[in-house]
Amino acid sequence: MPQRAQNTPVCRDCDGFATVAITTGTRKQDGSRATLRATCSACKGTGRTAPVPVLARVGR
């Protein structure tokens, strides 16, 4: 029986890719590329968002 995927809300700003490595194009002394890390500021690097609380209307 296949497992069901969890219904976790994905961050709409980064589409779940919260941390990326950007290559600058320059090389270090050892020959490796210099990279920068960037994290999504909306989800703080988790890739998920907190569920939005549902407003309930009570009464008339």
Protein backbone atom coordinates (compact mmCIF):
# COMPACT_ATOMS: atom_id res chain seq x y z
CA MET A 1 0.00 0.00 0.00
CA PRO A 2 1.57 3.35 -0.95
CA GLN A 3 2.09 5.87 1.80
CA ARG A 4 0.18 9.13 1.67
CA ALA A 5 2.23 12.28 1.42
CA GLN A 6 1.86 14.66 4.32
CA ASN A 7 -0.16 17.75 3.57
CA THR A 8 2.40 20.29 4.74
CA PRO A 9 2.04 23.85 3.48
CA VAL A 10 5.06 24.83 1.37
CA CYS A 11 6.42 28.37 1.57
CA ARG A 12 5.05 30.30 -1.40
CA ASP A 13 8.08 32.61 -1.55
CA CYS A 14 10.70 29.88 -2.06
CA ASP A 15 8.52 26.89 -3.18
CA GLY A 16 10.19 24.64 -0.59
CA PHE A 17 13.77 25.41 -1.64
CA ALA A 18 14.60 27.48 1.43
CA THR A 19 18.42 27.42 1.23
CA VAL A 20 20.38 27.85 -1.99
CA ALA A 21 24.08 28.06 -2.84
CA ILE A 22 25.05 30.72 -5.36
CA THR A 23 28.36 30.41 -7.20
CA THR A 24 30.16 33.74 -7.53
CA GLY A 25 32.36 32.66 -10.42
CA THR A 26 35.64 33.35 -8.62
CA ARG A 27 37.99 30.65 -7.41
CA LYS A 28 39.74 30.24 -4.07
CA GLN A 29 43.44 29.44 -3.63
CA ASP A 30 42.74 25.69 -3.54
CA GLY A 31 40.84 25.83 -6.86
CA SER A 32 37.33 25.44 -5.51
CA ARG A 33 34.58 27.91 -6.38
CA ALA A 34 33.52 30.60 -3.93
CA THR A 35 29.84 30.24 -3.04
CA LEU A 36 27.30 32.25 -1.05
CA ARG A 37 24.42 30.74 0.94
CA ALA A 38 21.04 32.44 0.88
CA THR A 39 18.05 31.47 3.00
CA CYS A 40 14.42 32.43 2.54
CA SER A 41 13.48 35.23 4.91
CA ALA A 42 9.77 34.36 4.85
CA CYS A 43 10.10 30.82 6.24
CA LYS A 44 13.47 31.28 8.01
CA GLY A 45 15.06 28.43 6.03
CA THR A 46 12.54 25.68 6.84
CA GLY A 47 10.73 25.53 3.49
CA ARG A 48 7.34 25.35 5.21
CA THR A 49 4.92 27.91 6.51
CA ALA A 50 2.78 27.78 9.62
CA PRO A 51 -0.86 26.96 8.99
CA VAL A 52 -3.07 30.00 8.83
CA PRO A 53 -5.56 30.07 11.68
CA VAL A 54 -9.12 29.67 10.49
CA LEU A 55 -11.55 32.37 11.50
CA ALA A 56 -14.89 31.02 12.66
CA ARG A 57 -18.03 33.07 12.59
CA VAL A 58 -20.31 32.39 15.51
CA GLY A 59 -23.85 33.60 15.86
CA ARG A 60 -25.87 35.51 13.36
